[in-house]
N, C-alpha and C. Protein backbone atom coordinates (compact mmCIF):
# COMPACT_ATOMS: atom_id res chain seq x y z
N LEU A 1 -0.04 1.36 -5.14
CA LEU A 1 -0.87 0.26 -4.95
C LEU A 1 -0.32 -0.92 -4.41
N VAL A 2 0.74 -0.61 -3.36
CA VAL A 2 1.34 -1.78 -2.45
C VAL A 2 0.84 -1.02 -1.19
N GLY A 3 0.07 0.88 -1.10
CA GLY A 3 -0.18 1.37 -0.09
C GLY A 3 -1.35 0.90 0.34
N ALA A 4 -2.44 0.76 -1.02
CA ALA A 4 -3.88 -0.06 -0.60
C ALA A 4 -3.61 -1.80 -0.12
N ILE A 5 -2.61 -2.61 -0.58
CA ILE A 5 -2.84 -4.19 -1.05
C ILE A 5 -2.04 -3.67 0.68
N SER A 6 -1.76 -4.03 1.46
CA SER A 6 -1.79 -3.27 2.53
C SER A 6 -2.97 -2.97 3.88
N TRP A 7 -3.36 -2.10 3.62
CA TRP A 7 -4.37 -1.04 3.79
C TRP A 7 -5.31 -2.16 3.49
N GLN A 8 -5.86 -2.92 2.91
CA GLN A 8 -6.75 -3.98 2.74
C GLN A 8 -6.64 -5.26 2.85
N THR A 9 -5.26 -5.85 3.14
CA THR A 9 -4.89 -7.24 3.40
C THR A 9 -4.89 -7.06 4.97
N THR A 10 -4.12 -5.64 5.54
CA THR A 10 -5.10 -5.29 7.67
C THR A 10 -5.99 -5.77 7.50
N GLN A 11 -7.49 -5.05 6.49
CA GLN A 11 -8.20 -5.14 6.93
C GLN A 11 -9.54 -6.58 6.98
N TYR A 12 -8.62 -7.41 6.26
CA TYR A 12 -9.13 -8.35 5.64
C TYR A 12 -8.04 -9.51 6.65
N LEU A 13 -7.15 -9.50 7.43
CA LEU A 13 -7.53 -10.03 8.40
C LEU A 13 -7.93 -9.82 10.09
N ASP A 14 -7.61 -8.78 10.33
CA ASP A 14 -8.70 -7.97 10.76
C ASP A 14 -10.34 -8.92 11.12
N GLY A 15 -10.25 -8.53 9.82
CA GLY A 15 -12.11 -9.25 9.55
C GLY A 15 -12.27 -10.83 10.57
N VAL A 16 -11.05 -11.63 9.90
CA VAL A 16 -11.16 -12.71 10.05
C VAL A 16 -10.76 -13.27 11.56
N VAL A 17 -10.26 -12.92 12.20
CA VAL A 17 -9.42 -12.25 13.44
C VAL A 17 -11.23 -11.78 14.64
N GLY A 18 -11.90 -11.02 14.01
CA GLY A 18 -13.06 -10.67 13.95
C GLY A 18 -14.04 -12.24 14.05
N ASN A 19 -14.16 -12.54 13.31
CA ASN A 19 -14.97 -14.44 12.95
C ASN A 19 -15.02 -14.32 14.05
N ILE A 20 -13.15 -15.07 13.49
CA ILE A 20 -13.07 -15.89 15.22
C ILE A 20 -13.16 -15.68 16.51
N LEU A 21 -13.14 -14.37 16.94
CA LEU A 21 -13.42 -13.85 18.38
C LEU A 21 -15.14 -14.29 18.49
N GLU A 22 -16.34 -13.74 17.56
CA GLU A 22 -16.96 -13.78 17.61
C GLU A 22 -18.04 -14.92 17.41
N GLN A 23 -17.55 -16.28 16.63
CA GLN A 23 -17.79 -17.79 16.36
C GLN A 23 -17.57 -18.03 18.31
N ARG A 24 -16.43 -17.77 18.89
CA ARG A 24 -16.11 -18.28 19.48
C ARG A 24 -16.86 -17.62 21.33
N VAL A 25 -16.63 -16.30 21.12
CA VAL A 25 -17.33 -15.93 22.06
C VAL A 25 -18.88 -16.12 21.59
N HIS A 26 -19.91 -16.90 20.93
CA HIS A 26 -20.93 -16.66 21.83
C HIS A 26 -20.92 -18.52 21.43
N TYR A 27 -19.92 -19.94 20.85
CA TYR A 27 -20.09 -20.90 21.27
C TYR A 27 -19.87 -21.09 22.91
N LEU A 28 -19.27 -20.36 23.31
CA LEU A 28 -19.01 -20.58 25.13
C LEU A 28 -20.13 -20.07 25.80
N ALA A 29 -21.14 -18.78 24.67
CA ALA A 29 -22.28 -18.16 25.75
C ALA A 29 -23.17 -19.71 25.48
N THR A 30 -22.52 -20.38 24.63
CA THR A 30 -23.90 -21.24 25.18
C THR A 30 -23.92 -22.56 25.85
N VAL A 31 -22.38 -22.37 26.09
CA VAL A 31 -22.25 -24.06 26.97
C VAL A 31 -23.10 -23.60 28.53
N ASP A 32 -22.73 -25.23 28.66
CA ASP A 32 -23.68 -24.69 30.08
C ASP A 32 -22.28 -24.02 30.95
N PRO A 33 -22.73 -23.26 32.34
CA PRO A 33 -22.06 -22.57 32.91
C PRO A 33 -21.07 -23.22 33.44
N GLU A 34 -21.87 -24.42 34.12
CA GLU A 34 -20.45 -24.69 34.99
C GLU A 34 -19.28 -26.12 34.01
N HIS A 35 -19.74 -25.84 33.47
CA HIS A 35 -18.60 -26.20 31.98
C HIS A 35 -18.04 -24.59 31.54
N ARG A 36 -17.87 -23.95 31.10
CA ARG A 36 -17.82 -22.51 30.36
C ARG A 36 -16.05 -22.40 31.04
N PRO A 37 -15.84 -23.04 32.44
CA PRO A 37 -14.59 -22.38 32.72
C PRO A 37 -13.61 -24.02 31.96
N ALA A 38 -13.97 -24.40 31.61
CA ALA A 38 -12.95 -25.90 31.52
C ALA A 38 -13.23 -25.84 30.11
N MET A 39 -14.55 -25.70 29.74
CA MET A 39 -14.33 -25.24 27.94
C MET A 39 -13.44 -23.77 27.63
N MET A 40 -12.80 -23.08 28.47
CA MET A 40 -12.22 -21.73 28.69
C MET A 40 -11.11 -22.20 28.38
N ALA A 41 -10.21 -22.53 29.32
CA ALA A 41 -9.18 -23.33 29.19
C ALA A 41 -9.23 -24.21 28.15
N ALA A 42 -9.73 -25.44 27.29
CA ALA A 42 -9.50 -25.79 26.49
C ALA A 42 -8.79 -25.56 25.34
N THR A 43 -10.11 -23.79 25.31
CA THR A 43 -9.97 -23.09 24.39
C THR A 43 -8.31 -22.72 24.17
N SER A 44 -7.75 -21.94 25.52
CA SER A 44 -6.76 -21.80 25.56
C SER A 44 -5.63 -22.26 25.93
N GLN A 45 -5.87 -23.94 25.83
CA GLN A 45 -5.17 -25.08 25.08
C GLN A 45 -4.81 -24.73 23.47
N LEU A 46 -5.63 -24.83 22.89
CA LEU A 46 -5.21 -24.75 21.76
C LEU A 46 -4.37 -23.29 21.31
N ASP A 47 -4.27 -22.79 21.65
CA ASP A 47 -3.68 -21.49 20.72
C ASP A 47 -1.80 -21.86 21.13
N LEU A 48 -1.44 -21.51 20.79
CA LEU A 48 -0.16 -22.75 20.34
C LEU A 48 0.60 -21.32 20.08
N ARG A 49 -0.04 -20.42 20.25
CA ARG A 49 1.00 -18.53 19.48
C ARG A 49 1.13 -18.30 20.14
N ASN A 50 -0.11 -18.65 21.73
CA ASN A 50 0.22 -17.83 22.65
C ASN A 50 -1.26 -16.79 22.53
N VAL A 51 -1.87 -15.93 21.21
CA VAL A 51 -2.44 -14.77 20.85
C VAL A 51 -4.03 -14.65 21.07
N MET A 52 -4.54 -15.72 21.97
CA MET A 52 -5.45 -16.01 21.83
C MET A 52 -6.07 -15.31 23.91
N TYR A 53 -6.38 -14.96 24.40
CA TYR A 53 -7.12 -14.44 25.85
C TYR A 53 -9.00 -14.92 26.02
N PHE A 54 -9.09 -14.74 27.56
CA PHE A 54 -9.97 -15.18 27.33
C PHE A 54 -10.30 -13.89 29.42
N GLY A 55 -11.40 -13.65 29.56
CA GLY A 55 -11.77 -13.80 31.40
C GLY A 55 -13.34 -14.32 30.86
N LEU A 56 -13.80 -14.31 32.82
CA LEU A 56 -15.37 -14.21 32.82
C LEU A 56 -14.57 -13.67 34.63
N PHE A 57 -15.52 -13.06 34.56
CA PHE A 57 -16.40 -11.26 35.25
C PHE A 57 -17.58 -11.82 36.08
N ASP A 58 -17.72 -11.60 37.37
CA ASP A 58 -18.79 -12.04 37.71
C ASP A 58 -19.59 -10.49 36.95
N ALA A 59 -20.76 -9.74 37.84
CA ALA A 59 -21.73 -8.73 37.29
C ALA A 59 -20.78 -7.31 37.86
N ASN A 60 -19.99 -7.44 38.93
CA ASN A 60 -20.14 -6.01 38.74
C ASN A 60 -18.44 -5.87 38.59
N GLY A 61 -17.80 -6.71 37.94
CA GLY A 61 -16.20 -6.73 37.11
C GLY A 61 -15.48 -7.72 37.63
N ALA A 62 -15.91 -7.99 38.74
CA ALA A 62 -14.31 -8.95 39.39
C ALA A 62 -13.90 -10.21 38.51
N TYR A 63 -12.91 -10.42 38.70
CA TYR A 63 -12.34 -11.86 37.97
C TYR A 63 -12.81 -13.02 39.27
N LEU A 64 -13.47 -13.80 37.69
CA LEU A 64 -13.75 -15.22 38.57
C LEU A 64 -12.80 -16.23 37.83
N SER A 65 -11.97 -15.89 36.46
CA SER A 65 -11.57 -16.76 35.96
C SER A 65 -10.47 -16.52 35.03
N GLY A 66 -9.27 -17.37 33.56
CA GLY A 66 -8.82 -17.16 32.71
C GLY A 66 -8.21 -16.46 32.70
N THR A 67 -7.43 -15.78 31.66
CA THR A 67 -6.02 -15.30 30.86
C THR A 67 -6.64 -13.75 31.51
N ILE A 68 -7.10 -13.47 31.13
CA ILE A 68 -7.21 -11.48 31.09
C ILE A 68 -7.99 -11.56 32.79
N ASP A 69 -7.07 -10.28 33.51
CA ASP A 69 -7.67 -10.59 34.52
C ASP A 69 -8.15 -8.97 35.12
N ARG A 70 -8.07 -8.43 34.54
CA ARG A 70 -8.83 -6.92 34.44
C ARG A 70 -9.71 -6.88 33.04
N VAL A 71 -11.15 -6.33 33.06
CA VAL A 71 -12.05 -5.60 31.84
C VAL A 71 -10.80 -5.19 31.01
N PRO A 72 -11.12 -4.75 30.01
CA PRO A 72 -10.51 -3.75 29.00
C PRO A 72 -11.36 -2.82 29.25
N GLU A 73 -10.53 -1.11 29.16
CA GLU A 73 -10.59 0.04 28.82
C GLU A 73 -11.19 0.09 27.37
N GLY A 74 -12.80 0.75 27.71
CA GLY A 74 -13.20 1.16 26.71
C GLY A 74 -14.23 0.27 25.63
N LEU A 75 -14.34 -1.23 25.96
CA LEU A 75 -14.86 -2.52 25.51
C LEU A 75 -16.53 -2.48 26.37
N PRO A 76 -16.57 -1.88 25.77
CA PRO A 76 -18.83 -2.63 26.23
C PRO A 76 -19.01 -3.24 26.15
N PRO A 77 -19.68 -4.48 26.86
CA PRO A 77 -20.26 -5.78 27.31
C PRO A 77 -21.91 -5.75 25.65
N ASP A 78 -21.09 -5.46 24.60
CA ASP A 78 -22.64 -5.93 23.55
C ASP A 78 -22.34 -6.73 22.39
N GLY A 79 -21.11 -7.36 22.82
CA GLY A 79 -21.19 -8.28 21.62
C GLY A 79 -20.54 -7.99 20.37
N ALA A 80 -19.60 -6.83 20.27
CA ALA A 80 -19.38 -6.28 19.31
C ALA A 80 -17.81 -6.18 19.36
N ILE A 81 -16.81 -6.94 18.15
CA ILE A 81 -15.59 -6.24 17.92
C ILE A 81 -15.12 -4.84 18.54
N ARG A 82 -14.28 -5.00 18.47
CA ARG A 82 -13.73 -3.63 18.85
C ARG A 82 -12.17 -3.52 18.70
N GLN A 83 -11.23 -3.20 18.36
CA GLN A 83 -9.91 -2.90 18.01
C GLN A 83 -9.59 -2.12 20.47
N LEU A 84 -8.61 -2.79 20.30
CA LEU A 84 -7.97 -2.51 21.61
C LEU A 84 -6.51 -2.02 21.69
N PRO A 85 -6.47 -0.90 21.85
CA PRO A 85 -5.35 -0.44 21.26
C PRO A 85 -3.51 -0.49 22.13
N LYS A 86 -4.40 -0.36 23.63
CA LYS A 86 -3.43 -0.40 24.81
C LYS A 86 -2.96 -1.93 25.09
N GLY A 87 -3.66 -2.94 23.70
CA GLY A 87 -3.14 -4.06 24.62
C GLY A 87 -4.30 -4.55 25.77
N LEU A 88 -3.23 -5.46 26.96
CA LEU A 88 -3.99 -6.47 27.90
C LEU A 88 -3.86 -6.68 28.65
N GLN A 89 -4.38 -6.44 30.44
CA GLN A 89 -3.97 -6.60 31.48
C GLN A 89 -3.69 -8.24 31.01
N THR A 90 -2.90 -8.68 30.89
CA THR A 90 -3.39 -10.52 31.79
C THR A 90 -2.99 -11.03 32.48
N THR A 91 -3.04 -11.75 33.24
CA THR A 91 -1.94 -13.03 34.34
C THR A 91 -0.49 -12.26 34.13
N SER A 92 -0.49 -13.13 32.45
CA SER A 92 0.88 -12.95 32.67
C SER A 92 1.42 -11.62 32.36
N GLY A 93 0.69 -10.74 32.57
CA GLY A 93 1.28 -8.67 33.13
C GLY A 93 0.71 -8.15 31.58
N GLN A 94 1.49 -6.37 31.45
CA GLN A 94 0.52 -5.94 30.43
C GLN A 94 1.03 -6.34 29.32
N ARG A 95 0.90 -6.32 27.98
CA ARG A 95 1.23 -6.68 26.17
C ARG A 95 0.33 -5.65 25.96
N GLU A 96 1.21 -4.95 25.83
CA GLU A 96 1.18 -3.36 24.87
C GLU A 96 1.22 -3.72 23.15
N GLU A 97 0.06 -4.25 22.83
CA GLU A 97 0.00 -4.72 21.25
C GLU A 97 -1.45 -4.27 20.63
N ARG A 98 -1.26 -3.55 19.41
CA ARG A 98 -2.76 -4.09 18.79
C ARG A 98 -3.43 -5.26 19.52
N ALA A 99 -4.64 -5.57 19.89
CA ALA A 99 -5.26 -6.87 19.85
C ALA A 99 -7.08 -6.17 19.10
N LEU A 100 -7.51 -7.32 18.92
CA LEU A 100 -9.25 -6.72 19.04
C LEU A 100 -10.55 -7.65 20.46
N GLY A 101 -11.34 -7.50 20.19
CA GLY A 101 -11.85 -8.53 21.44
C GLY A 101 -12.94 -8.34 21.64
N VAL A 102 -13.62 -8.76 22.28
CA VAL A 102 -14.58 -8.41 22.03
C VAL A 102 -15.70 -8.88 23.42
N ALA A 103 -16.92 -8.17 24.71
CA ALA A 103 -16.49 -8.77 25.47
C ALA A 103 -18.31 -8.76 25.39
N LEU A 104 -18.80 -9.75 26.15
CA LEU A 104 -20.88 -10.20 26.13
C LEU A 104 -21.40 -10.43 27.48
N LYS A 105 -22.08 -10.52 27.98
CA LYS A 105 -23.18 -10.27 29.07
C LYS A 105 -23.48 -11.52 28.94
N LEU A 106 -23.43 -12.50 29.59
CA LEU A 106 -23.84 -13.55 30.07
C LEU A 106 -25.62 -13.18 30.06
N GLU A 107 -26.62 -14.68 30.45
CA GLU A 107 -27.67 -14.57 30.63
C GLU A 107 -27.31 -14.46 32.25
N SER A 108 -26.16 -15.44 33.62
CA SER A 108 -26.29 -15.19 34.37
C SER A 108 -26.50 -14.38 34.75
N GLY A 109 -25.91 -13.22 34.09
CA GLY A 109 -24.85 -12.20 34.87
C GLY A 109 -23.83 -11.51 34.12
N GLU A 110 -22.36 -12.60 34.17
CA GLU A 110 -21.68 -12.46 34.52
C GLU A 110 -20.96 -12.26 32.74
N LEU A 111 -19.55 -11.36 33.51
CA LEU A 111 -18.95 -11.33 32.02
C LEU A 111 -17.81 -11.53 31.21
N LEU A 112 -18.28 -12.13 29.75
CA LEU A 112 -17.66 -13.06 28.61
C LEU A 112 -16.52 -12.46 28.69
N VAL A 113 -15.15 -12.18 27.78
CA VAL A 113 -14.05 -11.36 27.54
C VAL A 113 -13.39 -12.34 26.50
N LEU A 114 -13.12 -12.28 25.01
CA LEU A 114 -12.49 -12.60 24.39
C LEU A 114 -11.98 -11.70 24.02
N ALA A 115 -10.38 -12.07 23.86
CA ALA A 115 -9.04 -11.07 22.33
C ALA A 115 -7.86 -12.08 22.47
N ARG A 116 -7.82 -11.08 21.05
CA ARG A 116 -6.86 -11.42 19.95
C ARG A 116 -6.60 -10.93 19.53
N TYR A 117 -4.87 -11.11 19.88
CA TYR A 117 -3.71 -9.86 19.11
C TYR A 117 -4.05 -10.23 18.22
N THR A 118 -4.18 -8.78 16.98
CA THR A 118 -3.09 -9.46 15.75
C THR A 118 -1.75 -8.74 15.41
N SER A 119 -1.22 -9.55 15.84
CA SER A 119 0.31 -9.61 15.64
C SER A 119 0.78 -10.25 13.83
N VAL A 120 -0.03 -10.89 13.48
CA VAL A 120 -0.13 -11.20 11.97
C VAL A 120 -0.41 -10.28 10.96
N ALA A 121 -1.03 -9.92 12.03
CA ALA A 121 -1.82 -8.34 10.46
C ALA A 121 -0.39 -7.82 10.87
N ASP A 122 -0.31 -7.14 12.37
CA ASP A 122 0.76 -5.80 11.94
C ASP A 122 1.76 -6.32 11.59
N ARG A 123 2.30 -7.28 11.25
CA ARG A 123 3.34 -7.74 10.48
C ARG A 123 4.14 -7.74 9.05
N ILE A 124 2.25 -8.30 8.54
CA ILE A 124 1.61 -8.32 7.07
C ILE A 124 1.93 -6.64 6.62
N GLY A 125 1.61 -5.52 7.53
CA GLY A 125 1.72 -4.74 7.24
C GLY A 125 2.77 -4.32 7.04
N ALA A 126 3.49 -4.79 8.32
CA ALA A 126 5.05 -3.64 8.56
C ALA A 126 5.54 -4.00 7.12
N MET A 127 5.56 -4.96 6.35
CA MET A 127 6.50 -6.26 6.20
C MET A 127 5.27 -5.22 4.02
N THR A 128 4.64 -4.66 4.07
CA THR A 128 4.17 -4.96 2.69
C THR A 128 4.14 -2.49 3.14
N ARG A 129 4.55 -2.03 3.92
CA ARG A 129 5.20 -0.91 4.13
C ARG A 129 6.35 -0.10 3.96
N SER A 130 7.14 -1.44 4.25
CA SER A 130 8.59 -1.29 4.08
C SER A 130 8.84 -1.89 2.06
N ALA A 131 8.28 -2.51 1.94
CA ALA A 131 7.58 -2.70 0.54
C ALA A 131 7.89 -1.73 -0.46
N LEU A 132 6.36 -0.85 0.62
CA LEU A 132 6.02 0.34 -0.73
C LEU A 132 7.64 2.01 -1.01
N GLY A 133 8.40 1.32 1.23
CA GLY A 133 9.52 2.47 0.96
C GLY A 133 10.23 1.77 -0.52
N TRP A 134 10.46 0.40 -0.20
CA TRP A 134 11.96 -0.15 -1.30
C TRP A 134 10.67 0.44 -2.46
N ALA A 135 9.92 -0.36 -3.03
CA ALA A 135 9.09 1.12 -3.98
C ALA A 135 9.93 1.62 -4.29
N LEU A 136 9.11 2.47 -3.13
CA LEU A 136 9.31 3.70 -4.14
C LEU A 136 11.40 4.59 -4.61
N SER A 137 11.93 4.14 -2.92
CA SER A 137 13.20 5.08 -3.72
C SER A 137 12.92 4.19 -4.47
N LEU A 138 13.26 3.30 -4.94
CA LEU A 138 13.45 2.09 -6.78
C LEU A 138 12.71 2.87 -8.14
N LEU A 139 11.99 3.64 -7.63
CA LEU A 139 10.84 4.18 -8.53
C LEU A 139 11.65 5.94 -8.96
N LEU A 140 11.99 6.27 -7.58
CA LEU A 140 12.25 7.76 -7.88
C LEU A 140 13.23 7.89 -7.46
N ILE A 141 14.42 7.07 -7.57
CA ILE A 141 15.70 7.33 -7.52
C ILE A 141 16.57 7.13 -8.94
N PRO A 142 15.59 5.88 -9.93
CA PRO A 142 16.31 6.33 -11.12
C PRO A 142 15.20 7.15 -12.09
N GLY A 143 13.50 7.41 -11.48
CA GLY A 143 13.25 8.00 -12.01
C GLY A 143 13.77 10.13 -12.46
N LEU A 144 14.42 9.91 -10.90
CA LEU A 144 14.98 11.93 -10.53
C LEU A 144 16.48 11.71 -11.64
N ILE A 145 16.71 10.54 -11.84
CA ILE A 145 18.54 10.26 -12.58
C ILE A 145 17.90 10.96 -14.17
N GLY A 146 16.87 9.41 -14.11
CA GLY A 146 16.26 10.03 -15.86
C GLY A 146 16.12 10.45 -16.36
N GLY A 147 15.50 11.17 -16.11
CA GLY A 147 14.64 13.40 -15.80
C GLY A 147 15.59 14.06 -16.08
N TYR A 148 16.18 14.23 -15.63
CA TYR A 148 17.89 14.88 -15.35
C TYR A 148 18.38 14.27 -16.37
N LEU A 149 18.78 13.22 -17.23
CA LEU A 149 19.53 12.80 -18.00
C LEU A 149 18.61 13.20 -19.43
N LEU A 150 17.40 13.19 -18.99
CA LEU A 150 16.72 13.04 -20.52
C LEU A 150 16.45 14.81 -20.95
N SER A 151 16.73 15.51 -19.74
CA SER A 151 16.61 16.54 -19.98
C SER A 151 17.78 18.22 -20.58
N ARG A 152 18.64 17.52 -20.82
CA ARG A 152 20.10 17.93 -20.73
C ARG A 152 19.91 18.43 -22.25
N GLY A 153 19.41 16.75 -23.07
CA GLY A 153 19.46 16.87 -24.87
C GLY A 153 18.51 18.61 -24.36
N PRO A 154 17.32 17.90 -24.76
CA PRO A 154 16.79 20.06 -24.99
C PRO A 154 17.32 20.63 -24.88
N LEU A 155 17.81 20.70 -23.30
CA LEU A 155 18.08 21.91 -22.42
C LEU A 155 19.54 22.25 -23.22
N LYS A 156 20.60 21.36 -23.40
CA LYS A 156 21.48 21.86 -24.79
C LYS A 156 20.96 22.99 -26.43
N ARG A 157 20.79 21.92 -26.70
CA ARG A 157 19.75 22.53 -27.32
C ARG A 157 19.12 23.54 -27.54
N VAL A 158 18.36 24.16 -26.58
CA VAL A 158 17.90 25.30 -25.93
C VAL A 158 19.02 26.76 -25.09
N ARG A 159 20.25 26.50 -25.10
CA ARG A 159 20.80 27.32 -24.59
C ARG A 159 22.25 27.45 -25.82
N ALA A 160 22.10 26.82 -26.72
CA ALA A 160 21.95 27.01 -28.41
C ALA A 160 21.62 27.67 -28.77
N ILE A 161 19.94 27.70 -28.83
CA ILE A 161 19.03 29.56 -29.86
C ILE A 161 19.46 30.49 -28.97
N GLU A 162 19.10 30.22 -27.71
CA GLU A 162 20.00 31.68 -27.24
C GLU A 162 21.45 31.83 -27.78
N THR A 163 22.87 31.44 -26.49
CA THR A 163 23.32 32.14 -27.90
C THR A 163 23.25 32.76 -28.96
N ALA A 164 23.17 31.84 -30.14
CA ALA A 164 22.89 32.28 -31.90
C ALA A 164 21.32 33.63 -31.43
N ILE A 165 20.34 33.60 -30.45
CA ILE A 165 19.81 34.89 -30.54
C ILE A 165 20.65 36.56 -29.24
N GLN A 166 21.68 36.32 -28.70
CA GLN A 166 22.21 37.32 -28.07
C GLN A 166 22.59 38.28 -29.00
N PRO A 167 23.26 37.95 -30.34
CA PRO A 167 24.14 38.54 -31.48
C PRO A 167 23.07 39.65 -32.04
N ILE A 168 21.53 38.83 -32.19
CA ILE A 168 20.84 39.03 -32.58
C ILE A 168 19.61 40.47 -31.97
N MET A 169 19.79 40.29 -30.78
CA MET A 169 19.48 40.29 -29.86
C MET A 169 20.02 42.02 -29.81
N ARG A 170 20.86 41.99 -29.65
CA ARG A 170 22.26 43.25 -28.74
C ARG A 170 21.99 44.14 -30.19
């Protein structure tokens, strides 16, 4: 049960992150190209936990602006949310944590990339896996001890019957 809750919680939180990314990428795609870098910077200012990153690249993939300085590997410009298991190369360095990202080719030919780390979902997953470990240990150990103690009585009776039958068998 705890394992199922962990998996469903992670899936739900990944979906929430995906929705946030989709909304922001589509909003930024509709912003006037002249104001797009300023809007992206404003979006970055709202990110107090430092989990949201963005990058704007020209048609050839060269860096124009943002906190992502290289298009993540395996992120096609189709507007679909994808997992980035290797993390991101940002202007502050490589962060190798699991992230979700989206890349969208704009009408101007530029490539807009947004990514968000899934650290909250990962921490909740780690906590529920830890709870699963505790739950299993708290169920298995007393269960094994209880099973042993409960089996001693019937085994004593079987041994007593066996002892009584031995002379008859001889």
